[in-house]
Amino acid sequence: MRGYLQEKIVTFVMNLSISPQRIIYLIRHGESQFNIEDRVGGNPDLTERGRRFAESLHEFFKQDLVGTEVKILTSTLKRTIQTA
């Protein structure tokens, strides 16, 4: 494990009080307009490919987590909200 942010994330997740049956999924946002322009940062919308990724995630969780309470945490960036 290298890097300040990676260490902070691992420490946070390890200190969560979770039951043995709870699973935590860490997922990056779908492809954004800046990804295809090779730009970093900003607050762009998802591309069509990013929206298809979000729809695929929805289908996966709908099938995998039937009857389970789901909580989604995301940043306030458009691309992450659109993915969630």
PDB file of N, CA and C in Angstrom:
ATOM      1  N   MET A   1       0.852  -1.166   0.000  1.00  0.00           N
ATOM      2  CA  MET A   1       0.000   0.000   0.000  1.00  0.00           C
ATOM      3  C   MET A   1       0.898   1.229   0.000  1.00  0.00           C
ATOM      4  N   ARG A   2       0.742   2.060  -1.011  1.00  0.00           N
ATOM      5  CA  ARG A   2       1.517   3.290  -1.090  1.00  0.00           C
ATOM      6  C   ARG A   2       0.598   4.466  -1.323  1.00  0.00           C
ATOM      7  N   GLY A   3       0.894   5.553  -0.712  1.00  0.00           N
ATOM      8  CA  GLY A   3       0.151   6.777  -0.955  1.00  0.00           C
ATOM      9  C   GLY A   3      -0.730   7.163   0.221  1.00  0.00           C
ATOM     10  N   TYR A   4      -0.785   8.448   0.453  1.00  0.00           N
ATOM     11  CA  TYR A   4      -1.546   8.990   1.577  1.00  0.00           C
ATOM     12  C   TYR A   4      -3.033   8.639   1.471  1.00  0.00           C
ATOM     13  N   LEU A   5      -3.622   8.922   0.314  1.00  0.00           N
ATOM     14  CA  LEU A   5      -5.058   8.704   0.152  1.00  0.00           C
ATOM     15  C   LEU A   5      -5.424   7.230   0.269  1.00  0.00           C
ATOM     16  N   GLN A   6      -4.633   6.354  -0.353  1.00  0.00           N
ATOM     17  CA  GLN A   6      -4.908   4.920  -0.289  1.00  0.00           C
ATOM     18  C   GLN A   6      -4.866   4.434   1.157  1.00  0.00           C
ATOM     19  N   GLU A   7      -3.887   4.887   1.919  1.00  0.00           N
ATOM     20  CA  GLU A   7      -3.787   4.486   3.325  1.00  0.00           C
ATOM     21  C   GLU A   7      -4.977   4.984   4.131  1.00  0.00           C
ATOM     22  N   LYS A   8      -5.432   6.201   3.863  1.00  0.00           N
ATOM     23  CA  LYS A   8      -6.591   6.756   4.582  1.00  0.00           C
ATOM     24  C   LYS A   8      -7.861   5.965   4.253  1.00  0.00           C
ATOM     25  N   ILE A   9      -8.030   5.591   3.015  1.00  0.00           N
ATOM     26  CA  ILE A   9      -9.217   4.821   2.613  1.00  0.00           C
ATOM     27  C   ILE A   9      -9.212   3.458   3.290  1.00  0.00           C
ATOM     28  N   VAL A  10      -8.076   2.776   3.265  1.00  0.00           N
ATOM     29  CA  VAL A  10      -7.981   1.453   3.889  1.00  0.00           C
ATOM     30  C   VAL A  10      -8.237   1.565   5.389  1.00  0.00           C
ATOM     31  N   THR A  11      -7.673   2.556   6.036  1.00  0.00           N
ATOM     32  CA  THR A  11      -7.895   2.745   7.473  1.00  0.00           C
ATOM     33  C   THR A  11      -9.370   2.989   7.760  1.00  0.00           C
ATOM     34  N   PHE A  12     -10.022   3.831   6.959  1.00  0.00           N
ATOM     35  CA  PHE A  12     -11.440   4.111   7.145  1.00  0.00           C
ATOM     36  C   PHE A  12     -12.274   2.846   7.014  1.00  0.00           C
ATOM     37  N   VAL A  13     -12.051   2.086   5.941  1.00  0.00           N
ATOM     38  CA  VAL A  13     -12.840   0.876   5.696  1.00  0.00           C
ATOM     39  C   VAL A  13     -12.595  -0.159   6.787  1.00  0.00           C
ATOM     40  N   MET A  14     -11.350  -0.306   7.233  1.00  0.00           N
ATOM     41  CA  MET A  14     -11.038  -1.298   8.266  1.00  0.00           C
ATOM     42  C   MET A  14     -11.685  -0.949   9.604  1.00  0.00           C
ATOM     43  N   ASN A  15     -11.949   0.328   9.852  1.00  0.00           N
ATOM     44  CA  ASN A  15     -12.529   0.740  11.115  1.00  0.00           C
ATOM     45  C   ASN A  15     -14.048   0.849  11.094  1.00  0.00           C
ATOM     46  N   LEU A  16     -14.653   0.524   9.982  1.00  0.00           N
ATOM     47  CA  LEU A  16     -16.114   0.496   9.936  1.00  0.00           C
ATOM     48  C   LEU A  16     -16.614  -0.660  10.788  1.00  0.00           C
ATOM     49  N   SER A  17     -17.700  -0.444  11.454  1.00  0.00           N
ATOM     50  CA  SER A  17     -18.301  -1.509  12.252  1.00  0.00           C
ATOM     51  C   SER A  17     -19.284  -2.253  11.358  1.00  0.00           C
ATOM     52  N   ILE A  18     -18.802  -3.344  10.772  1.00  0.00           N
ATOM     53  CA  ILE A  18     -19.656  -4.065   9.836  1.00  0.00           C
ATOM     54  C   ILE A  18     -19.874  -5.491  10.310  1.00  0.00           C
ATOM     55  N   SER A  19     -21.009  -6.022   9.931  1.00  0.00           N
ATOM     56  CA  SER A  19     -21.311  -7.407  10.264  1.00  0.00           C
ATOM     57  C   SER A  19     -20.619  -8.313   9.256  1.00  0.00           C
ATOM     58  N   PRO A  20     -20.476  -9.587   9.567  1.00  0.00           N
ATOM     59  CA  PRO A  20     -19.813 -10.508   8.639  1.00  0.00           C
ATOM     60  C   PRO A  20     -20.528 -10.624   7.293  1.00  0.00           C
ATOM     61  N   GLN A  21     -21.820 -10.303   7.259  1.00  0.00           N
ATOM     62  CA  GLN A  21     -22.576 -10.466   6.021  1.00  0.00           C
ATOM     63  C   GLN A  21     -22.640  -9.192   5.185  1.00  0.00           C
ATOM     64  N   ARG A  22     -22.079  -8.103   5.683  1.00  0.00           N
ATOM     65  CA  ARG A  22     -22.132  -6.859   4.924  1.00  0.00           C
ATOM     66  C   ARG A  22     -20.948  -6.794   3.974  1.00  0.00           C
ATOM     67  N   ILE A  23     -21.230  -6.415   2.762  1.00  0.00           N
ATOM     68  CA  ILE A  23     -20.198  -6.287   1.744  1.00  0.00           C
ATOM     69  C   ILE A  23     -20.096  -4.823   1.344  1.00  0.00           C
ATOM     70  N   ILE A  24     -18.879  -4.351   1.191  1.00  0.00           N
ATOM     71  CA  ILE A  24     -18.640  -2.980   0.736  1.00  0.00           C
ATOM     72  C   ILE A  24     -18.080  -3.041  -0.682  1.00  0.00           C
ATOM     73  N   TYR A  25     -18.740  -2.356  -1.590  1.00  0.00           N
ATOM     74  CA  TYR A  25     -18.275  -2.261  -2.964  1.00  0.00           C
ATOM     75  C   TYR A  25     -17.661  -0.876  -3.161  1.00  0.00           C
ATOM     76  N   LEU A  26     -16.458  -0.810  -3.665  1.00  0.00           N
ATOM     77  CA  LEU A  26     -15.821   0.455  -4.029  1.00  0.00           C
ATOM     78  C   LEU A  26     -15.797   0.503  -5.555  1.00  0.00           C
ATOM     79  N   ILE A  27     -16.488   1.496  -6.111  1.00  0.00           N
ATOM     80  CA  ILE A  27     -16.660   1.559  -7.561  1.00  0.00           C
ATOM     81  C   ILE A  27     -16.312   2.951  -8.048  1.00  0.00           C
ATOM     82  N   ARG A  28     -15.567   3.010  -9.114  1.00  0.00           N
ATOM     83  CA  ARG A  28     -15.275   4.298  -9.735  1.00  0.00           C
ATOM     84  C   ARG A  28     -16.432   4.721 -10.631  1.00  0.00           C
ATOM     85  N   HIS A  29     -16.470   6.000 -10.933  1.00  0.00           N
ATOM     86  CA  HIS A  29     -17.524   6.514 -11.804  1.00  0.00           C
ATOM     87  C   HIS A  29     -17.359   5.965 -13.216  1.00  0.00           C
ATOM     88  N   GLY A  30     -18.436   6.037 -13.975  1.00  0.00           N
ATOM     89  CA  GLY A  30     -18.373   5.634 -15.374  1.00  0.00           C
ATOM     90  C   GLY A  30     -17.571   6.641 -16.184  1.00  0.00           C
ATOM     91  N   GLU A  31     -17.338   6.308 -17.439  1.00  0.00           N
ATOM     92  CA  GLU A  31     -16.535   7.177 -18.303  1.00  0.00           C
ATOM     93  C   GLU A  31     -17.175   8.561 -18.409  1.00  0.00           C
ATOM     94  N   SER A  32     -16.360   9.595 -18.211  1.00  0.00           N
ATOM     95  CA  SER A  32     -16.847  10.968 -18.324  1.00  0.00           C
ATOM     96  C   SER A  32     -16.298  11.609 -19.598  1.00  0.00           C
ATOM     97  N   GLN A  33     -16.865  12.742 -19.938  1.00  0.00           N
ATOM     98  CA  GLN A  33     -16.412  13.471 -21.123  1.00  0.00           C
ATOM     99  C   GLN A  33     -14.921  13.787 -21.030  1.00  0.00           C
ATOM    100  N   PHE A  34     -14.441  14.134 -19.845  1.00  0.00           N
ATOM    101  CA  PHE A  34     -13.022  14.457 -19.676  1.00  0.00           C
ATOM    102  C   PHE A  34     -12.142  13.227 -19.857  1.00  0.00           C
ATOM    103  N   ASN A  35     -12.650  12.042 -19.542  1.00  0.00           N
ATOM    104  CA  ASN A  35     -11.855  10.829 -19.749  1.00  0.00           C
ATOM    105  C   ASN A  35     -11.491  10.651 -21.218  1.00  0.00           C
ATOM    106  N   ILE A  36     -12.447  10.881 -22.099  1.00  0.00           N
ATOM    107  CA  ILE A  36     -12.153  10.675 -23.519  1.00  0.00           C
ATOM    108  C   ILE A  36     -11.327  11.826 -24.094  1.00  0.00           C
ATOM    109  N   GLU A  37     -11.320  12.965 -23.418  1.00  0.00           N
ATOM    110  CA  GLU A  37     -10.490  14.097 -23.833  1.00  0.00           C
ATOM    111  C   GLU A  37      -9.124  14.068 -23.155  1.00  0.00           C
ATOM    112  N   ASP A  38      -8.872  13.034 -22.341  1.00  0.00           N
ATOM    113  CA  ASP A  38      -7.619  12.882 -21.602  1.00  0.00           C
ATOM    114  C   ASP A  38      -7.354  14.071 -20.685  1.00  0.00           C
ATOM    115  N   ARG A  39      -8.436  14.557 -20.046  1.00  0.00           N
ATOM    116  CA  ARG A  39      -8.341  15.665 -19.090  1.00  0.00           C
ATOM    117  C   ARG A  39      -8.624  15.126 -17.695  1.00  0.00           C
ATOM    118  N   VAL A  40      -8.074  15.781 -16.689  1.00  0.00           N
ATOM    119  CA  VAL A  40      -8.238  15.373 -15.295  1.00  0.00           C
ATOM    120  C   VAL A  40      -8.984  16.469 -14.545  1.00  0.00           C
ATOM    121  N   GLY A  41      -9.825  16.034 -13.588  1.00  0.00           N
ATOM    122  CA  GLY A  41     -10.520  17.003 -12.739  1.00  0.00           C
ATOM    123  C   GLY A  41     -11.814  17.465 -13.361  1.00  0.00           C
ATOM    124  N   GLY A  42     -12.259  18.633 -12.936  1.00  0.00           N
ATOM    125  CA  GLY A  42     -13.486  19.210 -13.462  1.00  0.00           C
ATOM    126  C   GLY A  42     -14.730  18.493 -12.967  1.00  0.00           C
ATOM    127  N   ASN A  43     -15.845  18.812 -13.587  1.00  0.00           N
ATOM    128  CA  ASN A  43     -17.120  18.232 -13.178  1.00  0.00           C
ATOM    129  C   ASN A  43     -17.966  17.886 -14.413  1.00  0.00           C
ATOM    130  N   PRO A  44     -17.423  17.054 -15.305  1.00  0.00           N
ATOM    131  CA  PRO A  44     -18.145  16.739 -16.543  1.00  0.00           C
ATOM    132  C   PRO A  44     -19.238  15.694 -16.342  1.00  0.00           C
ATOM    133  N   ASP A  45     -20.122  15.627 -17.320  1.00  0.00           N
ATOM    134  CA  ASP A  45     -21.154  14.592 -17.349  1.00  0.00           C
ATOM    135  C   ASP A  45     -20.557  13.279 -17.839  1.00  0.00           C
ATOM    136  N   LEU A  46     -21.317  12.202 -17.636  1.00  0.00           N
ATOM    137  CA  LEU A  46     -20.928  10.908 -18.188  1.00  0.00           C
ATOM    138  C   LEU A  46     -21.142  10.901 -19.695  1.00  0.00           C
ATOM    139  N   THR A  47     -20.350  10.085 -20.371  1.00  0.00           N
ATOM    140  CA  THR A  47     -20.570   9.838 -21.797  1.00  0.00           C
ATOM    141  C   THR A  47     -21.651   8.766 -21.926  1.00  0.00           C
ATOM    142  N   GLU A  48     -22.023   8.457 -23.150  1.00  0.00           N
ATOM    143  CA  GLU A  48     -22.987   7.376 -23.375  1.00  0.00           C
ATOM    144  C   GLU A  48     -22.439   6.061 -22.809  1.00  0.00           C
ATOM    145  N   ARG A  49     -21.160   5.817 -23.007  1.00  0.00           N
ATOM    146  CA  ARG A  49     -20.535   4.605 -22.457  1.00  0.00           C
ATOM    147  C   ARG A  49     -20.597   4.610 -20.926  1.00  0.00           C
ATOM    148  N   GLY A  50     -20.393   5.764 -20.307  1.00  0.00           N
ATOM    149  CA  GLY A  50     -20.494   5.879 -18.850  1.00  0.00           C
ATOM    150  C   GLY A  50     -21.903   5.605 -18.357  1.00  0.00           C
ATOM    151  N   ARG A  51     -22.909   6.071 -19.115  1.00  0.00           N
ATOM    152  CA  ARG A  51     -24.308   5.805 -18.733  1.00  0.00           C
ATOM    153  C   ARG A  51     -24.635   4.318 -18.857  1.00  0.00           C
ATOM    154  N   ARG A  52     -24.089   3.659 -19.880  1.00  0.00           N
ATOM    155  CA  ARG A  52     -24.306   2.205 -20.015  1.00  0.00           C
ATOM    156  C   ARG A  52     -23.661   1.457 -18.844  1.00  0.00           C
ATOM    157  N   PHE A  53     -22.490   1.920 -18.398  1.00  0.00           N
ATOM    158  CA  PHE A  53     -21.835   1.331 -17.233  1.00  0.00           C
ATOM    159  C   PHE A  53     -22.729   1.469 -15.999  1.00  0.00           C
ATOM    160  N   ALA A  54     -23.303   2.660 -15.807  1.00  0.00           N
ATOM    161  CA  ALA A  54     -24.193   2.893 -14.666  1.00  0.00           C
ATOM    162  C   ALA A  54     -25.416   1.980 -14.730  1.00  0.00           C
ATOM    163  N   GLU A  55     -25.964   1.791 -15.912  1.00  0.00           N
ATOM    164  CA  GLU A  55     -27.114   0.900 -16.077  1.00  0.00           C
ATOM    165  C   GLU A  55     -26.726  -0.545 -15.783  1.00  0.00           C
ATOM    166  N   SER A  56     -25.538  -0.948 -16.191  1.00  0.00           N
ATOM    167  CA  SER A  56     -25.049  -2.305 -15.901  1.00  0.00           C
ATOM    168  C   SER A  56     -24.877  -2.514 -14.406  1.00  0.00           C
ATOM    169  N   LEU A  57     -24.362  -1.496 -13.715  1.00  0.00           N
ATOM    170  CA  LEU A  57     -24.233  -1.579 -12.259  1.00  0.00           C
ATOM    171  C   LEU A  57     -25.604  -1.756 -11.608  1.00  0.00           C
ATOM    172  N   HIS A  58     -26.563  -0.995 -12.094  1.00  0.00           N
ATOM    173  CA  HIS A  58     -27.920  -1.093 -11.556  1.00  0.00           C
ATOM    174  C   HIS A  58     -28.457  -2.514 -11.701  1.00  0.00           C
ATOM    175  N   GLU A  59     -28.291  -3.084 -12.881  1.00  0.00           N
ATOM    176  CA  GLU A  59     -28.766  -4.449 -13.107  1.00  0.00           C
ATOM    177  C   GLU A  59     -28.036  -5.450 -12.213  1.00  0.00           C
ATOM    178  N   PHE A  60     -26.727  -5.286 -12.055  1.00  0.00           N
ATOM    179  CA  PHE A  60     -25.957  -6.185 -11.200  1.00  0.00           C
ATOM    180  C   PHE A  60     -26.473  -6.146  -9.766  1.00  0.00           C
ATOM    181  N   PHE A  61     -26.620  -4.941  -9.229  1.00  0.00           N
ATOM    182  CA  PHE A  61     -27.056  -4.826  -7.835  1.00  0.00           C
ATOM    183  C   PHE A  61     -28.511  -5.243  -7.664  1.00  0.00           C
ATOM    184  N   LYS A  62     -29.330  -5.000  -8.658  1.00  0.00           N
ATOM    185  CA  LYS A  62     -30.732  -5.410  -8.580  1.00  0.00           C
ATOM    186  C   LYS A  62     -30.832  -6.929  -8.477  1.00  0.00           C
ATOM    187  N   GLN A  63     -29.995  -7.651  -9.187  1.00  0.00           N
ATOM    188  CA  GLN A  63     -30.021  -9.116  -9.162  1.00  0.00           C
ATOM    189  C   GLN A  63     -29.272  -9.677  -7.957  1.00  0.00           C
ATOM    190  N   ASP A  64     -28.145  -9.071  -7.616  1.00  0.00           N
ATOM    191  CA  ASP A  64     -27.265  -9.607  -6.574  1.00  0.00           C
ATOM    192  C   ASP A  64     -27.754  -9.299  -5.162  1.00  0.00           C
ATOM    193  N   LEU A  65     -28.474  -8.214  -5.001  1.00  0.00           N
ATOM    194  CA  LEU A  65     -28.837  -7.765  -3.657  1.00  0.00           C
ATOM    195  C   LEU A  65     -30.336  -7.718  -3.427  1.00  0.00           C
ATOM    196  N   VAL A  66     -31.052  -8.679  -3.960  1.00  0.00           N
ATOM    197  CA  VAL A  66     -32.509  -8.728  -3.795  1.00  0.00           C
ATOM    198  C   VAL A  66     -32.849  -8.820  -2.312  1.00  0.00           C
ATOM    199  N   GLY A  67     -33.720  -7.939  -1.844  1.00  0.00           N
ATOM    200  CA  GLY A  67     -34.166  -7.963  -0.458  1.00  0.00           C
ATOM    201  C   GLY A  67     -33.157  -7.423   0.532  1.00  0.00           C
ATOM    202  N   THR A  68     -32.092  -6.800   0.062  1.00  0.00           N
ATOM    203  CA  THR A  68     -31.055  -6.269   0.939  1.00  0.00           C
ATOM    204  C   THR A  68     -31.147  -4.753   0.976  1.00  0.00           C
ATOM    205  N   GLU A  69     -30.971  -4.189   2.161  1.00  0.00           N
ATOM    206  CA  GLU A  69     -30.914  -2.738   2.274  1.00  0.00           C
ATOM    207  C   GLU A  69     -29.577  -2.266   1.706  1.00  0.00           C
ATOM    208  N   VAL A  70     -29.647  -1.309   0.802  1.00  0.00           N
ATOM    209  CA  VAL A  70     -28.444  -0.813   0.143  1.00  0.00           C
ATOM    210  C   VAL A  70     -28.286   0.669   0.448  1.00  0.00           C
ATOM    211  N   LYS A  71     -27.078   1.071   0.792  1.00  0.00           N
ATOM    212  CA  LYS A  71     -26.755   2.483   0.990  1.00  0.00           C
ATOM    213  C   LYS A  71     -25.657   2.843   0.006  1.00  0.00           C
ATOM    214  N   ILE A  72     -25.853   3.950  -0.682  1.00  0.00           N
ATOM    215  CA  ILE A  72     -24.874   4.400  -1.655  1.00  0.00           C
ATOM    216  C   ILE A  72     -24.299   5.722  -1.181  1.00  0.00           C
ATOM    217  N   LEU A  73     -22.983   5.767  -1.066  1.00  0.00           N
ATOM    218  CA  LEU A  73     -22.282   6.990  -0.703  1.00  0.00           C
ATOM    219  C   LEU A  73     -21.509   7.451  -1.920  1.00  0.00           C
ATOM    220  N   THR A  74     -21.591   8.733  -2.220  1.00  0.00           N
ATOM    221  CA  THR A  74     -20.912   9.267  -3.394  1.00  0.00           C
ATOM    222  C   THR A  74     -20.461  10.692  -3.122  1.00  0.00           C
ATOM    223  N   SER A  75     -19.554  11.181  -3.939  1.00  0.00           N
ATOM    224  CA  SER A  75     -19.159  12.569  -3.836  1.00  0.00           C
ATOM    225  C   SER A  75     -20.238  13.437  -4.476  1.00  0.00           C
ATOM    226  N   THR A  76     -20.021  14.731  -4.499  1.00  0.00           N
ATOM    227  CA  THR A  76     -21.009  15.633  -5.079  1.00  0.00           C
ATOM    228  C   THR A  76     -20.739  15.938  -6.558  1.00  0.00           C
ATOM    229  N   LEU A  77     -19.754  15.257  -7.148  1.00  0.00           N
ATOM    230  CA  LEU A  77     -19.467  15.477  -8.560  1.00  0.00           C
ATOM    231  C   LEU A  77     -20.546  14.846  -9.435  1.00  0.00           C
ATOM    232  N   LYS A  78     -20.861  15.504 -10.542  1.00  0.00           N
ATOM    233  CA  LYS A  78     -21.934  15.024 -11.441  1.00  0.00           C
ATOM    234  C   LYS A  78     -21.691  13.585 -11.897  1.00  0.00           C
ATOM    235  N   ARG A  79     -20.468  13.281 -12.300  1.00  0.00           N
ATOM    236  CA  ARG A  79     -20.188  11.948 -12.848  1.00  0.00           C
ATOM    237  C   ARG A  79     -20.403  10.842 -11.825  1.00  0.00           C
ATOM    238  N   THR A  80     -20.137  11.136 -10.548  1.00  0.00           N
ATOM    239  CA  THR A  80     -20.345  10.105  -9.530  1.00  0.00           C
ATOM    240  C   THR A  80     -21.827   9.970  -9.186  1.00  0.00           C
ATOM    241  N   ILE A  81     -22.527  11.075  -9.143  1.00  0.00           N
ATOM    242  CA  ILE A  81     -23.977  11.013  -8.886  1.00  0.00           C
ATOM    243  C   ILE A  81     -24.694  10.316 -10.037  1.00  0.00           C
ATOM    244  N   GLN A  82     -24.293  10.618 -11.273  1.00  0.00           N
ATOM    245  CA  GLN A  82     -24.917   9.983 -12.429  1.00  0.00           C
ATOM    246  C   GLN A  82     -24.631   8.483 -12.450  1.00  0.00           C
ATOM    247  N   THR A  83     -23.454   8.084 -12.015  1.00  0.00           N
ATOM    248  CA  THR A  83     -23.126   6.651 -11.950  1.00  0.00           C
ATOM    249  C   THR A  83     -23.954   5.971 -10.863  1.00  0.00           C
ATOM    250  N   ALA A  84     -24.056   6.619  -9.711  1.00  0.00           N
ATOM    251  CA  ALA A  84     -24.826   6.032  -8.599  1.00  0.00           C
ATOM    252  C   ALA A  84     -26.301   5.963  -8.940  1.00  0.00           C
TER     253      ALA A  84
END
